[in-house]
Amino acid sequence: MNRLYVLAAVVLAACSGTGAEPSGVGTSDPIETTVPATVSSVESPGSTRAEIEATLAGIGPVTTLDQAKAVIEAVGGGMETDLVPYAYDAARVSDADTFRAAMATIGRVIGEAPPTDEFRSLSRFYGDWIMNNAPDPGPAYIPWKGALFANIDPEFEPLIASVEDPVTV
């Protein structure tokens, strides 16, 4: 039972942002790292939700930095705010450059920018946006997130699978 409490505390800490820079699941070439001061609210044509979901399914469980980048890029290929949790979670297991790029992508998709680009503020700002706006990432999200965090500890997968609300998972 105590292990479950520790596991839950770790998941909550991972989801709430600690201010520490992400350590990464691997390395690769750096990508865009700045968060724009303002984000255009004009929606540009892009991938549909179905196309993004198909791309995400094709990427599969994220076990490498390149896969995390592909998830972020897929979400950034459209304006589907409901799919933002995928990019947010992929960012949480990425390196610092990918984290910043993911936050910029999320800002563009939702049309909002944080007041600062400090790591803790970015994570909190977009995490709060997810909690306050309750996006619906669809039925594939919880199993996907469970597999993602199972890379940290296999016990995360059944714990995350036991949560019914994708916003609070």
N, C-alpha and C. Protein backbone atom coordinates (compact mmCIF):
# COMPACT_ATOMS: atom_id res chain seq x y z
N MET A 1 0.83 -1.19 0.00
CA MET A 1 0.00 0.00 0.00
C MET A 1 0.87 1.26 0.00
N ASN A 2 1.94 1.27 0.82
CA ASN A 2 2.81 2.43 0.86
C ASN A 2 3.45 2.69 -0.50
N ARG A 3 3.75 1.61 -1.24
CA ARG A 3 4.34 1.76 -2.56
C ARG A 3 3.39 2.50 -3.49
N LEU A 4 2.10 2.22 -3.37
CA LEU A 4 1.11 2.89 -4.19
C LEU A 4 1.08 4.38 -3.89
N TYR A 5 1.17 4.75 -2.61
CA TYR A 5 1.20 6.17 -2.25
C TYR A 5 2.44 6.85 -2.80
N VAL A 6 3.57 6.19 -2.72
CA VAL A 6 4.80 6.76 -3.26
C VAL A 6 4.67 6.91 -4.77
N LEU A 7 4.14 5.90 -5.42
CA LEU A 7 3.96 5.94 -6.86
C LEU A 7 3.01 7.07 -7.25
N ALA A 8 1.93 7.22 -6.53
CA ALA A 8 0.98 8.30 -6.81
C ALA A 8 1.64 9.66 -6.62
N ALA A 9 2.46 9.79 -5.60
CA ALA A 9 3.16 11.06 -5.35
C ALA A 9 4.12 11.37 -6.49
N VAL A 10 4.80 10.36 -7.00
CA VAL A 10 5.72 10.58 -8.10
C VAL A 10 4.97 11.00 -9.36
N VAL A 11 3.84 10.35 -9.64
CA VAL A 11 3.04 10.71 -10.81
C VAL A 11 2.55 12.14 -10.68
N LEU A 12 2.05 12.49 -9.51
CA LEU A 12 1.57 13.86 -9.31
C LEU A 12 2.69 14.86 -9.47
N ALA A 13 3.86 14.55 -8.94
CA ALA A 13 5.00 15.45 -9.09
C ALA A 13 5.39 15.59 -10.55
N ALA A 14 5.36 14.49 -11.28
CA ALA A 14 5.70 14.52 -12.70
C ALA A 14 4.70 15.35 -13.49
N CYS A 15 3.46 15.34 -13.07
CA CYS A 15 2.42 16.07 -13.78
C CYS A 15 2.29 17.52 -13.36
N SER A 16 2.79 17.86 -12.18
CA SER A 16 2.56 19.21 -11.67
C SER A 16 3.70 20.16 -11.93
N GLY A 17 4.85 19.68 -12.32
CA GLY A 17 5.96 20.58 -12.60
C GLY A 17 6.72 20.93 -11.34
N THR A 18 8.02 20.70 -11.37
CA THR A 18 8.83 20.96 -10.19
C THR A 18 9.79 22.10 -10.39
N GLY A 19 9.87 22.60 -11.61
CA GLY A 19 10.80 23.66 -11.91
C GLY A 19 12.11 23.15 -12.43
N ALA A 20 12.39 21.88 -12.28
CA ALA A 20 13.61 21.31 -12.79
C ALA A 20 13.49 21.14 -14.29
N GLU A 21 14.60 21.34 -15.00
CA GLU A 21 14.59 21.14 -16.43
C GLU A 21 14.46 19.66 -16.73
N PRO A 22 13.73 19.31 -17.78
CA PRO A 22 13.59 17.91 -18.13
C PRO A 22 14.95 17.30 -18.46
N SER A 23 15.13 16.03 -18.12
CA SER A 23 16.41 15.39 -18.33
C SER A 23 16.50 14.71 -19.69
N GLY A 24 15.40 14.34 -20.28
CA GLY A 24 15.42 13.78 -21.62
C GLY A 24 15.40 12.27 -21.64
N VAL A 25 14.90 11.74 -22.75
CA VAL A 25 14.89 10.31 -22.97
C VAL A 25 15.97 9.93 -23.97
N GLY A 26 16.73 10.89 -24.40
CA GLY A 26 17.80 10.67 -25.36
C GLY A 26 18.25 12.00 -25.90
N THR A 27 19.11 11.99 -26.88
CA THR A 27 19.56 13.24 -27.46
C THR A 27 19.37 13.21 -28.96
N SER A 28 19.31 14.38 -29.53
CA SER A 28 19.16 14.54 -30.96
C SER A 28 19.49 15.98 -31.28
N ASP A 29 19.34 16.36 -32.55
CA ASP A 29 19.60 17.74 -32.92
C ASP A 29 18.61 18.66 -32.24
N PRO A 30 19.07 19.86 -31.81
CA PRO A 30 18.14 20.79 -31.16
C PRO A 30 17.08 21.28 -32.14
N ILE A 31 15.91 21.59 -31.60
CA ILE A 31 14.83 22.14 -32.39
C ILE A 31 14.47 23.49 -31.80
N GLU A 32 13.54 24.19 -32.39
CA GLU A 32 13.16 25.52 -31.94
C GLU A 32 12.96 25.53 -30.43
N THR A 33 13.55 26.53 -29.75
CA THR A 33 13.52 26.51 -28.29
C THR A 33 12.90 27.74 -27.66
N THR A 34 12.40 28.67 -28.44
CA THR A 34 11.85 29.86 -27.82
C THR A 34 10.33 29.80 -27.81
N VAL A 35 9.77 30.36 -26.76
CA VAL A 35 8.32 30.47 -26.67
C VAL A 35 7.97 31.89 -27.10
N PRO A 36 7.08 32.03 -28.07
CA PRO A 36 6.75 33.36 -28.55
C PRO A 36 6.10 34.22 -27.47
N ALA A 37 6.39 35.52 -27.50
CA ALA A 37 5.80 36.43 -26.52
C ALA A 37 4.29 36.51 -26.71
N THR A 38 3.86 36.46 -27.94
CA THR A 38 2.43 36.43 -28.23
C THR A 38 2.18 35.29 -29.19
N VAL A 39 1.03 34.73 -29.09
CA VAL A 39 0.68 33.60 -29.94
C VAL A 39 -0.53 34.00 -30.75
N SER A 40 -0.45 33.81 -32.04
CA SER A 40 -1.57 34.15 -32.91
C SER A 40 -2.76 33.26 -32.62
N SER A 41 -3.93 33.84 -32.54
CA SER A 41 -5.13 33.05 -32.33
C SER A 41 -5.78 32.68 -33.65
N VAL A 42 -5.17 33.09 -34.76
CA VAL A 42 -5.70 32.75 -36.08
C VAL A 42 -5.35 31.29 -36.36
N GLU A 43 -6.37 30.51 -36.63
CA GLU A 43 -6.15 29.10 -36.91
C GLU A 43 -5.69 28.95 -38.36
N SER A 44 -4.61 28.20 -38.54
CA SER A 44 -4.15 27.92 -39.88
C SER A 44 -4.62 26.53 -40.26
N PRO A 45 -4.80 26.30 -41.55
CA PRO A 45 -5.22 24.96 -41.94
C PRO A 45 -4.14 23.96 -41.57
N GLY A 46 -4.57 22.80 -41.17
CA GLY A 46 -3.61 21.78 -40.79
C GLY A 46 -4.28 20.42 -40.78
N SER A 47 -3.60 19.52 -40.11
CA SER A 47 -4.11 18.16 -40.03
C SER A 47 -5.41 18.12 -39.23
N THR A 48 -6.28 17.21 -39.61
CA THR A 48 -7.52 17.00 -38.86
C THR A 48 -7.21 16.16 -37.63
N ARG A 49 -8.16 16.11 -36.74
CA ARG A 49 -7.99 15.29 -35.54
C ARG A 49 -7.73 13.83 -35.92
N ALA A 50 -8.50 13.33 -36.87
CA ALA A 50 -8.33 11.93 -37.28
C ALA A 50 -6.93 11.69 -37.85
N GLU A 51 -6.43 12.64 -38.61
CA GLU A 51 -5.07 12.49 -39.17
C GLU A 51 -4.02 12.52 -38.06
N ILE A 52 -4.19 13.42 -37.11
CA ILE A 52 -3.23 13.50 -36.00
C ILE A 52 -3.29 12.22 -35.17
N GLU A 53 -4.49 11.75 -34.87
CA GLU A 53 -4.63 10.52 -34.09
C GLU A 53 -4.01 9.33 -34.82
N ALA A 54 -4.16 9.28 -36.14
CA ALA A 54 -3.54 8.19 -36.91
C ALA A 54 -2.02 8.29 -36.83
N THR A 55 -1.49 9.50 -36.90
CA THR A 55 -0.04 9.70 -36.77
C THR A 55 0.43 9.27 -35.40
N LEU A 56 -0.31 9.67 -34.36
CA LEU A 56 0.07 9.29 -32.99
C LEU A 56 0.05 7.77 -32.84
N ALA A 57 -0.95 7.12 -33.39
CA ALA A 57 -1.03 5.66 -33.31
C ALA A 57 0.15 5.03 -34.03
N GLY A 58 0.55 5.61 -35.15
CA GLY A 58 1.69 5.10 -35.90
C GLY A 58 3.02 5.26 -35.17
N ILE A 59 3.12 6.30 -34.35
CA ILE A 59 4.34 6.53 -33.57
C ILE A 59 4.46 5.46 -32.50
N GLY A 60 3.32 5.10 -31.93
CA GLY A 60 3.31 4.06 -30.89
C GLY A 60 3.79 4.58 -29.55
N PRO A 61 4.11 3.66 -28.65
CA PRO A 61 4.59 4.07 -27.32
C PRO A 61 5.91 4.84 -27.45
N VAL A 62 6.00 5.94 -26.74
CA VAL A 62 7.19 6.78 -26.81
C VAL A 62 8.28 6.21 -25.91
N THR A 63 9.38 5.80 -26.54
CA THR A 63 10.53 5.29 -25.78
C THR A 63 11.81 6.02 -26.16
N THR A 64 11.75 6.92 -27.15
CA THR A 64 12.93 7.66 -27.58
C THR A 64 12.59 9.14 -27.70
N LEU A 65 13.62 9.95 -27.70
CA LEU A 65 13.43 11.39 -27.88
C LEU A 65 12.86 11.69 -29.26
N ASP A 66 13.30 10.96 -30.27
CA ASP A 66 12.75 11.19 -31.61
C ASP A 66 11.25 10.91 -31.65
N GLN A 67 10.78 9.90 -30.93
CA GLN A 67 9.34 9.62 -30.88
C GLN A 67 8.61 10.74 -30.13
N ALA A 68 9.20 11.25 -29.04
CA ALA A 68 8.58 12.36 -28.31
C ALA A 68 8.46 13.58 -29.23
N LYS A 69 9.52 13.85 -30.00
CA LYS A 69 9.47 14.97 -30.95
C LYS A 69 8.40 14.74 -32.00
N ALA A 70 8.25 13.50 -32.46
CA ALA A 70 7.24 13.19 -33.47
C ALA A 70 5.83 13.42 -32.93
N VAL A 71 5.61 13.09 -31.65
CA VAL A 71 4.31 13.34 -31.02
C VAL A 71 4.02 14.84 -30.99
N ILE A 72 5.00 15.61 -30.56
CA ILE A 72 4.85 17.06 -30.46
C ILE A 72 4.59 17.66 -31.85
N GLU A 73 5.33 17.19 -32.83
CA GLU A 73 5.15 17.66 -34.21
C GLU A 73 3.75 17.30 -34.73
N ALA A 74 3.30 16.10 -34.43
CA ALA A 74 1.96 15.68 -34.88
C ALA A 74 0.88 16.59 -34.29
N VAL A 75 0.97 16.85 -33.00
CA VAL A 75 -0.02 17.73 -32.35
C VAL A 75 0.08 19.14 -32.94
N GLY A 76 1.30 19.59 -33.21
CA GLY A 76 1.50 20.91 -33.79
C GLY A 76 1.08 21.02 -35.24
N GLY A 77 0.79 19.89 -35.88
CA GLY A 77 0.37 19.88 -37.27
C GLY A 77 -1.07 20.30 -37.48
N GLY A 78 -1.78 20.52 -36.40
CA GLY A 78 -3.18 20.93 -36.50
C GLY A 78 -3.51 21.90 -35.40
N MET A 79 -4.76 22.18 -35.26
CA MET A 79 -5.22 23.11 -34.23
C MET A 79 -6.20 22.42 -33.29
N GLU A 80 -5.95 21.17 -32.98
CA GLU A 80 -6.82 20.35 -32.14
C GLU A 80 -6.43 20.50 -30.67
N THR A 81 -7.07 21.42 -29.98
CA THR A 81 -6.73 21.66 -28.57
C THR A 81 -6.96 20.43 -27.71
N ASP A 82 -7.88 19.56 -28.10
CA ASP A 82 -8.12 18.35 -27.33
C ASP A 82 -6.91 17.41 -27.31
N LEU A 83 -6.00 17.54 -28.25
CA LEU A 83 -4.85 16.65 -28.32
C LEU A 83 -3.60 17.23 -27.65
N VAL A 84 -3.71 18.41 -27.08
CA VAL A 84 -2.59 19.06 -26.38
C VAL A 84 -1.99 18.18 -25.28
N PRO A 85 -2.77 17.40 -24.52
CA PRO A 85 -2.14 16.58 -23.48
C PRO A 85 -1.06 15.63 -24.00
N TYR A 86 -1.18 15.18 -25.23
CA TYR A 86 -0.14 14.33 -25.80
C TYR A 86 1.20 15.08 -25.86
N ALA A 87 1.17 16.29 -26.40
CA ALA A 87 2.40 17.08 -26.51
C ALA A 87 2.94 17.44 -25.14
N TYR A 88 2.04 17.77 -24.22
CA TYR A 88 2.46 18.14 -22.86
C TYR A 88 3.18 16.97 -22.19
N ASP A 89 2.62 15.78 -22.29
CA ASP A 89 3.24 14.62 -21.66
C ASP A 89 4.53 14.21 -22.36
N ALA A 90 4.57 14.30 -23.68
CA ALA A 90 5.81 13.99 -24.40
C ALA A 90 6.91 14.96 -23.98
N ALA A 91 6.54 16.20 -23.74
CA ALA A 91 7.51 17.20 -23.28
C ALA A 91 8.08 16.86 -21.91
N ARG A 92 7.26 16.28 -21.06
CA ARG A 92 7.66 16.00 -19.68
C ARG A 92 8.77 14.95 -19.59
N VAL A 93 8.94 14.15 -20.64
CA VAL A 93 9.99 13.12 -20.63
C VAL A 93 11.09 13.43 -21.64
N SER A 94 11.17 14.68 -22.07
CA SER A 94 12.10 15.08 -23.11
C SER A 94 13.24 15.91 -22.56
N ASP A 95 14.16 16.26 -23.45
CA ASP A 95 15.26 17.14 -23.07
C ASP A 95 14.76 18.59 -23.04
N ALA A 96 15.61 19.49 -22.60
CA ALA A 96 15.21 20.88 -22.41
C ALA A 96 14.79 21.55 -23.72
N ASP A 97 15.52 21.31 -24.80
CA ASP A 97 15.16 21.92 -26.07
C ASP A 97 13.81 21.44 -26.57
N THR A 98 13.57 20.15 -26.46
CA THR A 98 12.30 19.58 -26.91
C THR A 98 11.16 20.07 -26.02
N PHE A 99 11.42 20.18 -24.73
CA PHE A 99 10.42 20.71 -23.81
C PHE A 99 9.99 22.11 -24.24
N ARG A 100 10.95 22.97 -24.49
CA ARG A 100 10.63 24.35 -24.89
C ARG A 100 9.88 24.37 -26.23
N ALA A 101 10.30 23.53 -27.16
CA ALA A 101 9.61 23.46 -28.45
C ALA A 101 8.17 22.99 -28.26
N ALA A 102 7.98 22.03 -27.38
CA ALA A 102 6.62 21.53 -27.11
C ALA A 102 5.76 22.63 -26.51
N MET A 103 6.30 23.40 -25.59
CA MET A 103 5.54 24.47 -24.98
C MET A 103 5.16 25.52 -26.02
N ALA A 104 6.08 25.82 -26.95
CA ALA A 104 5.77 26.76 -28.02
C ALA A 104 4.67 26.20 -28.93
N THR A 105 4.74 24.91 -29.20
CA THR A 105 3.71 24.26 -30.02
C THR A 105 2.36 24.33 -29.33
N ILE A 106 2.33 24.00 -28.05
CA ILE A 106 1.07 24.06 -27.30
C ILE A 106 0.51 25.48 -27.31
N GLY A 107 1.38 26.45 -27.09
CA GLY A 107 0.94 27.85 -27.11
C GLY A 107 0.31 28.24 -28.43
N ARG A 108 0.91 27.79 -29.53
CA ARG A 108 0.35 28.09 -30.84
C ARG A 108 -0.99 27.40 -31.03
N VAL A 109 -1.09 26.15 -30.61
CA VAL A 109 -2.34 25.40 -30.81
C VAL A 109 -3.48 25.98 -29.99
N ILE A 110 -3.21 26.36 -28.74
CA ILE A 110 -4.30 26.88 -27.91
C ILE A 110 -4.48 28.38 -28.03
N GLY A 111 -3.50 29.07 -28.65
CA GLY A 111 -3.61 30.51 -28.84
C GLY A 111 -3.32 31.32 -27.58
N GLU A 112 -2.50 30.76 -26.69
CA GLU A 112 -2.14 31.47 -25.46
C GLU A 112 -0.65 31.31 -25.19
N ALA A 113 -0.06 32.33 -24.60
CA ALA A 113 1.35 32.29 -24.24
C ALA A 113 1.50 32.63 -22.76
N PRO A 114 2.45 31.98 -22.09
CA PRO A 114 2.69 32.28 -20.68
C PRO A 114 3.40 33.62 -20.52
N PRO A 115 3.38 34.18 -19.32
CA PRO A 115 4.03 35.46 -19.10
C PRO A 115 5.56 35.38 -19.10
N THR A 116 6.12 34.18 -18.95
CA THR A 116 7.56 34.01 -18.92
C THR A 116 7.93 32.67 -19.55
N ASP A 117 9.19 32.52 -19.93
CA ASP A 117 9.60 31.25 -20.53
C ASP A 117 10.45 30.42 -19.57
N GLU A 118 10.37 30.68 -18.28
CA GLU A 118 11.07 29.89 -17.27
C GLU A 118 10.40 28.52 -17.18
N PHE A 119 11.21 27.46 -17.04
CA PHE A 119 10.68 26.09 -17.11
C PHE A 119 9.48 25.86 -16.21
N ARG A 120 9.58 26.23 -14.97
CA ARG A 120 8.47 25.99 -14.03
C ARG A 120 7.22 26.72 -14.49
N SER A 121 7.38 27.94 -14.93
CA SER A 121 6.23 28.72 -15.37
C SER A 121 5.58 28.12 -16.62
N LEU A 122 6.40 27.65 -17.56
CA LEU A 122 5.85 27.03 -18.76
C LEU A 122 5.02 25.80 -18.40
N SER A 123 5.61 24.94 -17.59
CA SER A 123 4.93 23.71 -17.20
C SER A 123 3.64 24.01 -16.45
N ARG A 124 3.71 24.92 -15.52
CA ARG A 124 2.53 25.25 -14.72
C ARG A 124 1.45 25.92 -15.58
N PHE A 125 1.86 26.86 -16.43
CA PHE A 125 0.90 27.59 -17.26
C PHE A 125 0.10 26.63 -18.13
N TYR A 126 0.81 25.76 -18.86
CA TYR A 126 0.10 24.85 -19.76
C TYR A 126 -0.56 23.70 -19.01
N GLY A 127 0.01 23.27 -17.90
CA GLY A 127 -0.66 22.28 -17.06
C GLY A 127 -1.97 22.83 -16.50
N ASP A 128 -1.93 24.09 -16.06
CA ASP A 128 -3.16 24.73 -15.58
C ASP A 128 -4.18 24.87 -16.71
N TRP A 129 -3.69 25.20 -17.91
CA TRP A 129 -4.61 25.31 -19.04
C TRP A 129 -5.33 23.97 -19.26
N ILE A 130 -4.59 22.89 -19.22
CA ILE A 130 -5.19 21.56 -19.40
C ILE A 130 -6.22 21.29 -18.31
N MET A 131 -5.87 21.56 -17.06
CA MET A 131 -6.81 21.32 -15.96
C MET A 131 -8.06 22.19 -16.08
N ASN A 132 -7.90 23.45 -16.47
CA ASN A 132 -9.03 24.38 -16.53
C ASN A 132 -9.90 24.20 -17.76
N ASN A 133 -9.35 23.68 -18.84
CA ASN A 133 -10.10 23.57 -20.09
C ASN A 133 -10.58 22.15 -20.38
N ALA A 134 -10.12 21.18 -19.62
CA ALA A 134 -10.56 19.79 -19.72
C ALA A 134 -10.65 19.27 -21.16
N PRO A 135 -9.52 19.30 -21.89
CA PRO A 135 -9.56 18.76 -23.24
C PRO A 135 -9.88 17.26 -23.22
N ASP A 136 -10.46 16.78 -24.30
CA ASP A 136 -10.79 15.35 -24.41
C ASP A 136 -9.87 14.73 -25.45
N PRO A 137 -8.75 14.14 -25.01
CA PRO A 137 -7.80 13.57 -25.97
C PRO A 137 -8.23 12.23 -26.55
N GLY A 138 -9.36 11.71 -26.14
CA GLY A 138 -9.88 10.48 -26.71
C GLY A 138 -9.48 9.23 -25.93
N PRO A 139 -10.07 8.10 -26.30
CA PRO A 139 -9.87 6.86 -25.53
C PRO A 139 -8.46 6.28 -25.61
N ALA A 140 -7.69 6.63 -26.61
CA ALA A 140 -6.33 6.09 -26.74
C ALA A 140 -5.33 6.78 -25.80
N TYR A 141 -5.72 7.93 -25.25
CA TYR A 141 -4.77 8.74 -24.47
C TYR A 141 -4.31 8.07 -23.18
N ILE A 142 -5.22 7.58 -22.37
CA ILE A 142 -4.83 7.01 -21.08
C ILE A 142 -3.89 5.81 -21.26
N PRO A 143 -4.20 4.86 -22.15
CA PRO A 143 -3.23 3.77 -22.37
C PRO A 143 -1.88 4.29 -22.90
N TRP A 144 -1.92 5.30 -23.77
CA TRP A 144 -0.70 5.88 -24.31
C TRP A 144 0.14 6.49 -23.18
N LYS A 145 -0.53 7.26 -22.31
CA LYS A 145 0.19 7.90 -21.21
C LYS A 145 0.73 6.84 -20.24
N GLY A 146 -0.04 5.79 -19.99
CA GLY A 146 0.44 4.72 -19.12
C GLY A 146 1.71 4.09 -19.67
N ALA A 147 1.73 3.83 -20.98
CA ALA A 147 2.92 3.26 -21.60
C ALA A 147 4.09 4.24 -21.56
N LEU A 148 3.80 5.52 -21.73
CA LEU A 148 4.86 6.55 -21.68
C LEU A 148 5.53 6.57 -20.31
N PHE A 149 4.72 6.65 -19.27
CA PHE A 149 5.28 6.74 -17.92
C PHE A 149 5.78 5.39 -17.39
N ALA A 150 5.42 4.30 -18.05
CA ALA A 150 5.98 2.99 -17.70
C ALA A 150 7.47 2.96 -18.01
N ASN A 151 7.94 3.86 -18.87
CA ASN A 151 9.38 3.98 -19.12
C ASN A 151 10.12 4.42 -17.87
N ILE A 152 9.44 5.14 -17.00
CA ILE A 152 10.03 5.61 -15.75
C ILE A 152 9.94 4.50 -14.71
N ASP A 153 8.75 3.91 -14.59
CA ASP A 153 8.52 2.81 -13.66
C ASP A 153 7.33 2.01 -14.19
N PRO A 154 7.49 0.70 -14.37
CA PRO A 154 6.39 -0.11 -14.90
C PRO A 154 5.10 -0.02 -14.09
N GLU A 155 5.19 0.35 -12.82
CA GLU A 155 4.00 0.45 -11.98
C GLU A 155 3.11 1.63 -12.38
N PHE A 156 3.65 2.57 -13.13
CA PHE A 156 2.83 3.70 -13.58
C PHE A 156 1.71 3.25 -14.51
N GLU A 157 1.98 2.27 -15.35
CA GLU A 157 1.00 1.87 -16.35
C GLU A 157 -0.32 1.43 -15.72
N PRO A 158 -0.34 0.49 -14.75
CA PRO A 158 -1.63 0.13 -14.16
C PRO A 158 -2.23 1.26 -13.32
N LEU A 159 -1.37 2.09 -12.72
CA LEU A 159 -1.88 3.21 -11.93
C LEU A 159 -2.60 4.20 -12.83
N ILE A 160 -1.99 4.56 -13.93
CA ILE A 160 -2.60 5.51 -14.85
C ILE A 160 -3.84 4.89 -15.49
N ALA A 161 -3.79 3.60 -15.80
CA ALA A 161 -4.95 2.93 -16.40
C ALA A 161 -6.16 2.92 -15.46
N SER A 162 -5.90 3.03 -14.16
CA SER A 162 -7.00 3.01 -13.19
C SER A 162 -7.73 4.35 -13.07
N VAL A 163 -7.19 5.40 -13.68
CA VAL A 163 -7.80 6.73 -13.63
C VAL A 163 -8.73 6.88 -14.83
N GLU A 164 -9.95 7.28 -14.58
CA GLU A 164 -10.93 7.38 -15.66
C GLU A 164 -10.94 8.74 -16.35
N ASP A 165 -10.49 9.79 -15.67
CA ASP A 165 -10.55 11.14 -16.21
C ASP A 165 -9.21 11.51 -16.84
N PRO A 166 -9.14 11.70 -18.17
CA PRO A 166 -7.88 12.01 -18.81
C PRO A 166 -7.28 13.35 -18.38
N VAL A 167 -8.07 14.22 -17.81
CA VAL A 167 -7.55 15.51 -17.37
C VAL A 167 -6.77 15.36 -16.06
N THR A 168 -7.23 14.49 -15.19
CA THR A 168 -6.55 14.35 -13.89
C THR A 168 -5.49 13.27 -13.88
N VAL A 169 -5.37 12.51 -14.95
CA VAL A 169 -4.38 11.44 -14.99
C VAL A 169 -2.98 11.98 -15.17
